[in-house]
PDB file of N, CA and C in Angstrom:
ATOM      1  N   MET A   1      47.744 -34.583  27.280  1.00  0.00           N
ATOM      2  CA  MET A   1      48.081 -34.092  26.072  1.00  0.00           C
ATOM      3  C   MET A   1      47.008 -34.900  25.013  1.00  0.00           C
ATOM      4  N   ASN A   2      46.549 -35.981  25.419  1.00  0.00           N
ATOM      5  CA  ASN A   2      45.518 -36.684  24.748  1.00  0.00           C
ATOM      6  C   ASN A   2      44.231 -35.953  24.640  1.00  0.00           C
ATOM      7  N   ALA A   3      43.876 -35.353  25.691  1.00  0.00           N
ATOM      8  CA  ALA A   3      42.623 -34.634  25.758  1.00  0.00           C
ATOM      9  C   ALA A   3      42.659 -33.345  24.898  1.00  0.00           C
ATOM     10  N   LEU A   4      43.891 -32.770  25.003  1.00  0.00           N
ATOM     11  CA  LEU A   4      44.099 -31.439  24.263  1.00  0.00           C
ATOM     12  C   LEU A   4      44.027 -31.708  22.715  1.00  0.00           C
ATOM     13  N   ALA A   5      44.517 -32.799  22.359  1.00  0.00           N
ATOM     14  CA  ALA A   5      44.439 -33.103  20.953  1.00  0.00           C
ATOM     15  C   ALA A   5      43.101 -33.511  20.533  1.00  0.00           C
ATOM     16  N   ALA A   6      42.259 -34.231  21.372  1.00  0.00           N
ATOM     17  CA  ALA A   6      40.964 -34.451  21.044  1.00  0.00           C
ATOM     18  C   ALA A   6      40.117 -33.026  21.020  1.00  0.00           C
ATOM     19  N   ALA A   7      40.350 -32.106  21.906  1.00  0.00           N
ATOM     20  CA  ALA A   7      39.634 -30.949  21.943  1.00  0.00           C
ATOM     21  C   ALA A   7      39.990 -30.150  20.481  1.00  0.00           C
ATOM     22  N   ASN A   8      41.267 -30.239  20.222  1.00  0.00           N
ATOM     23  CA  ASN A   8      41.652 -29.308  19.041  1.00  0.00           C
ATOM     24  C   ASN A   8      41.024 -29.975  17.754  1.00  0.00           C
ATOM     25  N   SER A   9      40.980 -31.286  17.782  1.00  0.00           N
ATOM     26  CA  SER A   9      40.390 -31.956  16.439  1.00  0.00           C
ATOM     27  C   SER A   9      38.792 -31.711  16.527  1.00  0.00           C
ATOM     28  N   SER A  10      38.234 -31.655  17.660  1.00  0.00           N
ATOM     29  CA  SER A  10      36.840 -31.354  17.723  1.00  0.00           C
ATOM     30  C   SER A  10      36.619 -30.050  17.314  1.00  0.00           C
ATOM     31  N   ILE A  11      37.359 -29.098  17.726  1.00  0.00           N
ATOM     32  CA  ILE A  11      37.229 -27.450  17.295  1.00  0.00           C
ATOM     33  C   ILE A  11      37.663 -27.348  15.742  1.00  0.00           C
ATOM     34  N   ASP A  12      38.596 -28.152  15.291  1.00  0.00           N
ATOM     35  CA  ASP A  12      38.718 -28.133  13.953  1.00  0.00           C
ATOM     36  C   ASP A  12      37.605 -28.654  13.055  1.00  0.00           C
ATOM     37  N   GLY A  13      36.835 -29.636  13.616  1.00  0.00           N
ATOM     38  CA  GLY A  13      35.760 -30.112  13.009  1.00  0.00           C
ATOM     39  C   GLY A  13      34.661 -29.244  12.828  1.00  0.00           C
ATOM     40  N   TRP A  14      34.473 -28.615  13.924  1.00  0.00           N
ATOM     41  CA  TRP A  14      33.303 -27.258  14.003  1.00  0.00           C
ATOM     42  C   TRP A  14      33.628 -26.277  12.933  1.00  0.00           C
ATOM     43  N   VAL A  15      34.984 -25.929  12.776  1.00  0.00           N
ATOM     44  CA  VAL A  15      35.372 -24.856  11.980  1.00  0.00           C
ATOM     45  C   VAL A  15      35.091 -25.358  10.564  1.00  0.00           C
ATOM     46  N   VAL A  16      35.527 -26.566  10.262  1.00  0.00           N
ATOM     47  CA  VAL A  16      35.256 -27.148   8.860  1.00  0.00           C
ATOM     48  C   VAL A  16      33.834 -27.176   8.613  1.00  0.00           C
ATOM     49  N   GLY A  17      33.031 -27.537   9.521  1.00  0.00           N
ATOM     50  CA  GLY A  17      31.684 -27.722   9.435  1.00  0.00           C
ATOM     51  C   GLY A  17      30.878 -26.329   9.092  1.00  0.00           C
ATOM     52  N   TYR A  18      31.373 -25.295   9.905  1.00  0.00           N
ATOM     53  CA  TYR A  18      30.746 -24.001   9.818  1.00  0.00           C
ATOM     54  C   TYR A  18      31.384 -23.435   8.478  1.00  0.00           C
ATOM     55  N   THR A  19      32.456 -23.535   8.174  1.00  0.00           N
ATOM     56  CA  THR A  19      33.048 -23.074   6.801  1.00  0.00           C
ATOM     57  C   THR A  19      32.269 -23.662   5.545  1.00  0.00           C
ATOM     58  N   LEU A  20      32.056 -24.989   5.700  1.00  0.00           N
ATOM     59  CA  LEU A  20      31.358 -25.709   4.681  1.00  0.00           C
ATOM     60  C   LEU A  20      29.887 -25.113   4.421  1.00  0.00           C
ATOM     61  N   THR A  21      29.256 -24.864   5.659  1.00  0.00           N
ATOM     62  CA  THR A  21      27.926 -24.420   5.678  1.00  0.00           C
ATOM     63  C   THR A  21      27.763 -22.945   5.274  1.00  0.00           C
ATOM     64  N   ILE A  22      28.783 -22.204   5.549  1.00  0.00           N
ATOM     65  CA  ILE A  22      28.594 -20.861   4.945  1.00  0.00           C
ATOM     66  C   ILE A  22      29.065 -20.751   3.298  1.00  0.00           C
ATOM     67  N   ILE A  23      29.778 -21.754   2.868  1.00  0.00           N
ATOM     68  CA  ILE A  23      30.000 -21.830   1.468  1.00  0.00           C
ATOM     69  C   ILE A  23      28.806 -22.319   0.777  1.00  0.00           C
ATOM     70  N   VAL A  24      28.215 -23.222   1.355  1.00  0.00           N
ATOM     71  CA  VAL A  24      27.030 -23.742   0.579  1.00  0.00           C
ATOM     72  C   VAL A  24      25.748 -22.788   0.606  1.00  0.00           C
ATOM     73  N   VAL A  25      25.796 -21.907   1.708  1.00  0.00           N
ATOM     74  CA  VAL A  25      24.524 -20.762   1.798  1.00  0.00           C
ATOM     75  C   VAL A  25      24.963 -19.857   0.614  1.00  0.00           C
ATOM     76  N   LEU A  26      26.249 -19.371   0.637  1.00  0.00           N
ATOM     77  CA  LEU A  26      26.594 -18.499  -0.449  1.00  0.00           C
ATOM     78  C   LEU A  26      26.419 -18.939  -1.866  1.00  0.00           C
ATOM     79  N   VAL A  27      26.696 -20.112  -2.189  1.00  0.00           N
ATOM     80  CA  VAL A  27      26.379 -20.762  -3.324  1.00  0.00           C
ATOM     81  C   VAL A  27      24.867 -20.734  -3.743  1.00  0.00           C
ATOM     82  N   VAL A  28      24.140 -21.190  -2.717  1.00  0.00           N
ATOM     83  CA  VAL A  28      22.752 -21.177  -2.938  1.00  0.00           C
ATOM     84  C   VAL A  28      22.221 -19.728  -3.001  1.00  0.00           C
ATOM     85  N   VAL A  29      22.708 -18.747  -2.447  1.00  0.00           N
ATOM     86  CA  VAL A  29      22.216 -17.313  -2.446  1.00  0.00           C
ATOM     87  C   VAL A  29      22.694 -16.756  -3.970  1.00  0.00           C
ATOM     88  N   ALA A  30      23.870 -17.244  -4.470  1.00  0.00           N
ATOM     89  CA  ALA A  30      24.406 -16.839  -5.653  1.00  0.00           C
ATOM     90  C   ALA A  30      23.595 -17.299  -6.868  1.00  0.00           C
ATOM     91  N   LEU A  31      22.958 -18.446  -6.554  1.00  0.00           N
ATOM     92  CA  LEU A  31      22.057 -19.154  -7.634  1.00  0.00           C
ATOM     93  C   LEU A  31      20.674 -18.558  -7.571  1.00  0.00           C
ATOM     94  N   VAL A  32      20.166 -18.291  -6.387  1.00  0.00           N
ATOM     95  CA  VAL A  32      18.846 -18.008  -6.121  1.00  0.00           C
ATOM     96  C   VAL A  32      18.635 -16.378  -6.528  1.00  0.00           C
ATOM     97  N   VAL A  33      19.519 -15.571  -6.395  1.00  0.00           N
ATOM     98  CA  VAL A  33      19.256 -14.207  -6.500  1.00  0.00           C
ATOM     99  C   VAL A  33      19.207 -13.822  -7.988  1.00  0.00           C
ATOM    100  N   PRO A  34      19.890 -14.332  -8.899  1.00  0.00           N
ATOM    101  CA  PRO A  34      19.528 -13.927 -10.422  1.00  0.00           C
ATOM    102  C   PRO A  34      18.073 -14.485 -10.765  1.00  0.00           C
ATOM    103  N   ILE A  35      17.729 -15.647 -10.229  1.00  0.00           N
ATOM    104  CA  ILE A  35      16.521 -16.326 -10.458  1.00  0.00           C
ATOM    105  C   ILE A  35      15.472 -15.247  -9.998  1.00  0.00           C
ATOM    106  N   LEU A  36      15.518 -14.681  -8.817  1.00  0.00           N
ATOM    107  CA  LEU A  36      14.360 -13.695  -8.394  1.00  0.00           C
ATOM    108  C   LEU A  36      14.515 -12.469  -9.145  1.00  0.00           C
ATOM    109  N   LEU A  37      15.586 -11.985  -9.679  1.00  0.00           N
ATOM    110  CA  LEU A  37      15.729 -10.802 -10.256  1.00  0.00           C
ATOM    111  C   LEU A  37      15.163 -10.809 -11.742  1.00  0.00           C
ATOM    112  N   LEU A  38      15.306 -12.182 -12.231  1.00  0.00           N
ATOM    113  CA  LEU A  38      14.700 -12.475 -13.526  1.00  0.00           C
ATOM    114  C   LEU A  38      13.327 -12.525 -13.443  1.00  0.00           C
ATOM    115  N   ALA A  39      12.745 -13.125 -12.286  1.00  0.00           N
ATOM    116  CA  ALA A  39      11.280 -13.244 -12.068  1.00  0.00           C
ATOM    117  C   ALA A  39      10.629 -12.063 -11.989  1.00  0.00           C
ATOM    118  N   HIS A  40      11.297 -11.111 -11.192  1.00  0.00           N
ATOM    119  CA  HIS A  40      10.868  -9.662 -11.161  1.00  0.00           C
ATOM    120  C   HIS A  40      10.746  -8.892 -12.651  1.00  0.00           C
ATOM    121  N   SER A  41      11.711  -9.159 -13.281  1.00  0.00           N
ATOM    122  CA  SER A  41      11.745  -8.508 -14.501  1.00  0.00           C
ATOM    123  C   SER A  41      10.665  -9.113 -15.450  1.00  0.00           C
ATOM    124  N   ILE A  42      10.362 -10.362 -15.401  1.00  0.00           N
ATOM    125  CA  ILE A  42       9.313 -11.050 -16.069  1.00  0.00           C
ATOM    126  C   ILE A  42       7.792 -10.571 -15.586  1.00  0.00           C
ATOM    127  N   GLY A  43       7.783 -10.352 -14.346  1.00  0.00           N
ATOM    128  CA  GLY A  43       6.498  -9.898 -13.635  1.00  0.00           C
ATOM    129  C   GLY A  43       6.356  -8.555 -14.360  1.00  0.00           C
ATOM    130  N   LYS A  44       7.324  -7.452 -14.285  1.00  0.00           N
ATOM    131  CA  LYS A  44       7.124  -6.117 -14.924  1.00  0.00           C
ATOM    132  C   LYS A  44       6.637  -6.256 -16.444  1.00  0.00           C
ATOM    133  N   GLU A  45       7.290  -6.931 -17.059  1.00  0.00           N
ATOM    134  CA  GLU A  45       7.039  -7.268 -18.476  1.00  0.00           C
ATOM    135  C   GLU A  45       5.684  -7.729 -18.768  1.00  0.00           C
ATOM    136  N   ALA A  46       5.174  -8.849 -17.873  1.00  0.00           N
ATOM    137  CA  ALA A  46       3.887  -9.203 -18.036  1.00  0.00           C
ATOM    138  C   ALA A  46       2.853  -8.222 -17.690  1.00  0.00           C
ATOM    139  N   LYS A  47       3.093  -7.303 -16.822  1.00  0.00           N
ATOM    140  CA  LYS A  47       2.149  -6.198 -16.482  1.00  0.00           C
ATOM    141  C   LYS A  47       2.061  -5.194 -17.695  1.00  0.00           C
ATOM    142  N   MET A  48       3.234  -4.927 -18.368  1.00  0.00           N
ATOM    143  CA  MET A  48       3.025  -4.246 -19.537  1.00  0.00           C
ATOM    144  C   MET A  48       2.341  -4.913 -20.758  1.00  0.00           C
ATOM    145  N   ILE A  49       2.508  -6.194 -20.810  1.00  0.00           N
ATOM    146  CA  ILE A  49       1.854  -6.905 -21.851  1.00  0.00           C
ATOM    147  C   ILE A  49       0.259  -6.993 -21.642  1.00  0.00           C
ATOM    148  N   ASN A  50       0.027  -7.068 -20.354  1.00  0.00           N
ATOM    149  CA  ASN A  50      -1.440  -7.221 -20.107  1.00  0.00           C
ATOM    150  C   ASN A  50      -2.194  -5.810 -20.258  1.00  0.00           C
ATOM    151  N   ASP A  51      -1.425  -4.978 -20.035  1.00  0.00           N
ATOM    152  CA  ASP A  51      -2.034  -3.504 -20.219  1.00  0.00           C
ATOM    153  C   ASP A  51      -2.223  -3.227 -21.732  1.00  0.00           C
ATOM    154  N   ALA A  52      -1.211  -3.423 -22.483  1.00  0.00           N
ATOM    155  CA  ALA A  52      -1.214  -3.479 -23.890  1.00  0.00           C
ATOM    156  C   ALA A  52      -2.556  -4.335 -24.521  1.00  0.00           C
ATOM    157  N   LEU A  53      -2.627  -5.476 -24.012  1.00  0.00           N
ATOM    158  CA  LEU A  53      -3.802  -6.421 -24.418  1.00  0.00           C
ATOM    159  C   LEU A  53      -5.023  -5.804 -23.946  1.00  0.00           C
ATOM    160  N   ALA A  54      -5.241  -5.252 -22.768  1.00  0.00           N
ATOM    161  CA  ALA A  54      -6.441  -4.520 -22.538  1.00  0.00           C
ATOM    162  C   ALA A  54      -6.768  -3.457 -23.394  1.00  0.00           C
ATOM    163  N   GLU A  55      -5.757  -2.782 -23.759  1.00  0.00           N
ATOM    164  CA  GLU A  55      -6.051  -1.625 -24.545  1.00  0.00           C
ATOM    165  C   GLU A  55      -6.272  -1.983 -25.911  1.00  0.00           C
ATOM    166  N   ALA A  56      -5.796  -3.098 -26.412  1.00  0.00           N
ATOM    167  CA  ALA A  56      -6.147  -3.601 -27.943  1.00  0.00           C
ATOM    168  C   ALA A  56      -7.613  -4.123 -27.793  1.00  0.00           C
ATOM    169  N   VAL A  57      -8.148  -4.796 -26.731  1.00  0.00           N
ATOM    170  CA  VAL A  57      -9.361  -5.184 -26.444  1.00  0.00           C
ATOM    171  C   VAL A  57     -10.350  -3.973 -26.823  1.00  0.00           C
ATOM    172  N   HIS A  58     -10.006  -2.953 -26.100  1.00  0.00           N
ATOM    173  CA  HIS A  58     -10.922  -1.676 -26.091  1.00  0.00           C
ATOM    174  C   HIS A  58     -10.856  -1.219 -27.458  1.00  0.00           C
ATOM    175  N   ASN A  59      -9.916  -1.254 -27.929  1.00  0.00           N
ATOM    176  CA  ASN A  59      -9.589  -0.501 -29.554  1.00  0.00           C
ATOM    177  C   ASN A  59     -10.254  -1.307 -30.390  1.00  0.00           C
ATOM    178  N   THR A  60     -10.387  -2.551 -30.329  1.00  0.00           N
ATOM    179  CA  THR A  60     -10.903  -3.491 -31.367  1.00  0.00           C
ATOM    180  C   THR A  60     -12.353  -3.852 -31.096  1.00  0.00           C
ATOM    181  N   ALA A  61     -13.084  -3.339 -29.982  1.00  0.00           N
ATOM    182  CA  ALA A  61     -14.335  -3.635 -29.524  1.00  0.00           C
ATOM    183  C   ALA A  61     -15.317  -3.496 -30.637  1.00  0.00           C
ATOM    184  N   ALA A  62     -15.259  -2.369 -31.266  1.00  0.00           N
ATOM    185  CA  ALA A  62     -16.263  -1.982 -32.502  1.00  0.00           C
ATOM    186  C   ALA A  62     -16.201  -3.001 -33.517  1.00  0.00           C
ATOM    187  N   LEU A  63     -15.187  -3.814 -33.647  1.00  0.00           N
ATOM    188  CA  LEU A  63     -15.092  -4.795 -34.783  1.00  0.00           C
ATOM    189  C   LEU A  63     -16.101  -5.830 -34.814  1.00  0.00           C
ATOM    190  N   LYS A  64     -16.616  -6.182 -33.633  1.00  0.00           N
ATOM    191  CA  LYS A  64     -17.765  -7.026 -33.612  1.00  0.00           C
ATOM    192  C   LYS A  64     -18.909  -6.781 -34.212  1.00  0.00           C
ATOM    193  N   GLU A  65     -19.045  -5.486 -34.465  1.00  0.00           N
ATOM    194  CA  GLU A  65     -20.192  -4.817 -35.355  1.00  0.00           C
ATOM    195  C   GLU A  65     -20.069  -4.769 -36.790  1.00  0.00           C
ATOM    196  N   LEU A  66     -18.908  -5.271 -37.197  1.00  0.00           N
ATOM    197  CA  LEU A  66     -18.583  -5.186 -38.489  1.00  0.00           C
ATOM    198  C   LEU A  66     -19.482  -6.015 -39.350  1.00  0.00           C
ATOM    199  N   ASN A  67     -19.957  -7.220 -39.087  1.00  0.00           N
ATOM    200  CA  ASN A  67     -20.931  -7.904 -40.022  1.00  0.00           C
ATOM    201  C   ASN A  67     -22.217  -6.982 -40.120  1.00  0.00           C
ATOM    202  N   THR A  68     -22.637  -6.360 -39.229  1.00  0.00           N
ATOM    203  CA  THR A  68     -23.795  -5.507 -39.272  1.00  0.00           C
ATOM    204  C   THR A  68     -23.566  -4.399 -40.002  1.00  0.00           C
ATOM    205  N   THR A  69     -22.365  -3.726 -40.137  1.00  0.00           N
ATOM    206  CA  THR A  69     -22.163  -2.904 -41.197  1.00  0.00           C
ATOM    207  C   THR A  69     -22.028  -3.251 -42.491  1.00  0.00           C
ATOM    208  N   ILE A  70     -21.500  -4.507 -42.812  1.00  0.00           N
ATOM    209  CA  ILE A  70     -21.566  -5.081 -44.105  1.00  0.00           C
ATOM    210  C   ILE A  70     -22.837  -5.400 -44.615  1.00  0.00           C
ATOM    211  N   ASP A  71     -23.595  -5.938 -43.571  1.00  0.00           N
ATOM    212  CA  ASP A  71     -24.993  -6.274 -44.059  1.00  0.00           C
ATOM    213  C   ASP A  71     -25.843  -4.916 -44.573  1.00  0.00           C
ATOM    214  N   HIS A  72     -25.669  -4.052 -43.810  1.00  0.00           N
ATOM    215  CA  HIS A  72     -26.321  -2.590 -43.921  1.00  0.00           C
ATOM    216  C   HIS A  72     -25.643  -2.027 -45.441  1.00  0.00           C
ATOM    217  N   ALA A  73     -24.458  -2.079 -45.593  1.00  0.00           N
ATOM    218  CA  ALA A  73     -23.784  -1.797 -46.828  1.00  0.00           C
ATOM    219  C   ALA A  73     -24.481  -2.638 -47.950  1.00  0.00           C
ATOM    220  N   GLY A  74     -24.555  -3.800 -47.803  1.00  0.00           N
ATOM    221  CA  GLY A  74     -25.196  -4.858 -48.804  1.00  0.00           C
ATOM    222  C   GLY A  74     -26.738  -4.396 -49.213  1.00  0.00           C
ATOM    223  N   VAL A  75     -27.315  -4.088 -48.238  1.00  0.00           N
ATOM    224  CA  VAL A  75     -28.778  -3.348 -48.555  1.00  0.00           C
ATOM    225  C   VAL A  75     -28.695  -2.127 -49.182  1.00  0.00           C
ATOM    226  N   ILE A  76     -27.758  -1.301 -48.944  1.00  0.00           N
ATOM    227  CA  ILE A  76     -27.723   0.118 -49.423  1.00  0.00           C
ATOM    228  C   ILE A  76     -27.251  -0.126 -51.031  1.00  0.00           C
ATOM    229  N   VAL A  77     -26.281  -0.992 -51.110  1.00  0.00           N
ATOM    230  CA  VAL A  77     -25.669  -1.281 -52.699  1.00  0.00           C
ATOM    231  C   VAL A  77     -26.972  -1.807 -53.415  1.00  0.00           C
ATOM    232  N   ALA A  78     -27.725  -2.704 -52.747  1.00  0.00           N
ATOM    233  CA  ALA A  78     -28.831  -3.460 -53.783  1.00  0.00           C
ATOM    234  C   ALA A  78     -29.727  -2.252 -53.859  1.00  0.00           C
ATOM    235  N   GLY A  79     -30.114  -1.557 -52.924  1.00  0.00           N
ATOM    236  CA  GLY A  79     -30.968  -0.383 -53.131  1.00  0.00           C
ATOM    237  C   GLY A  79     -30.511   0.416 -54.281  1.00  0.00           C
ATOM    238  N   LEU A  80     -29.269   0.898 -54.337  1.00  0.00           N
ATOM    239  CA  LEU A  80     -28.738   1.653 -55.424  1.00  0.00           C
ATOM    240  C   LEU A  80     -28.823   0.880 -56.779  1.00  0.00           C
ATOM    241  N   HIS A  81     -28.506  -0.347 -56.680  1.00  0.00           N
ATOM    242  CA  HIS A  81     -28.530  -1.084 -57.981  1.00  0.00           C
ATOM    243  C   HIS A  81     -29.974  -1.200 -58.557  1.00  0.00           C
ATOM    244  N   ARG A  82     -31.046  -1.398 -57.595  1.00  0.00           N
ATOM    245  CA  ARG A  82     -32.455  -1.260 -58.118  1.00  0.00           C
ATOM    246  C   ARG A  82     -32.731   0.079 -58.699  1.00  0.00           C
ATOM    247  N   GLY A  83     -32.348   1.141 -57.967  1.00  0.00           N
ATOM    248  CA  GLY A  83     -32.671   2.431 -58.397  1.00  0.00           C
ATOM    249  C   GLY A  83     -32.015   2.740 -60.032  1.00  0.00           C
ATOM    250  N   ARG A  84     -30.914   2.428 -59.914  1.00  0.00           N
ATOM    251  CA  ARG A  84     -29.948   2.436 -61.469  1.00  0.00           C
ATOM    252  C   ARG A  84     -30.795   1.703 -62.393  1.00  0.00           C
ATOM    253  N   THR A  85     -31.367   0.558 -62.156  1.00  0.00           N
ATOM    254  CA  THR A  85     -31.925  -0.301 -63.066  1.00  0.00           C
ATOM    255  C   THR A  85     -33.270   0.371 -63.459  1.00  0.00           C
ATOM    256  N   ARG A  86     -33.976   0.833 -62.411  1.00  0.00           N
ATOM    257  CA  ARG A  86     -35.285   1.462 -62.801  1.00  0.00           C
ATOM    258  C   ARG A  86     -35.234   2.737 -63.553  1.00  0.00           C
ATOM    259  N   LEU A  87     -33.977   3.510 -63.336  1.00  0.00           N
ATOM    260  CA  LEU A  87     -33.745   4.718 -64.202  1.00  0.00           C
ATOM    261  C   LEU A  87     -33.152   4.177 -65.710  1.00  0.00           C
ATOM    262  N   GLY A  88     -32.882   3.129 -65.750  1.00  0.00           N
ATOM    263  CA  GLY A  88     -32.536   2.676 -67.136  1.00  0.00           C
ATOM    264  C   GLY A  88     -30.846   2.605 -67.316  1.00  0.00           C
ATOM    265  N   GLY A  89     -30.201   2.735 -66.223  1.00  0.00           N
ATOM    266  CA  GLY A  89     -28.757   2.594 -66.304  1.00  0.00           C
ATOM    267  C   GLY A  89     -28.147   1.492 -66.007  1.00  0.00           C
TER     268      GLY A  89
END
């Protein structure tokens, strides 16, 4: 009878161990899955942001020549001013 009781308590220990292990694994999965879903969502948003920034770089590339345009406009305005002065205006 003593061996039977020892065998039952050993089996009960294994059942408790497996049950606790399954519970811990389920809790870990329940915590990790939302994190992975959020990371996936952030990755998609990051790609969209990167694409928009690349388009903005392309659309604003001509602005680096703005100082040249301002310089030329200054030369033109100065020439017009000289012409007006010579004409007595």
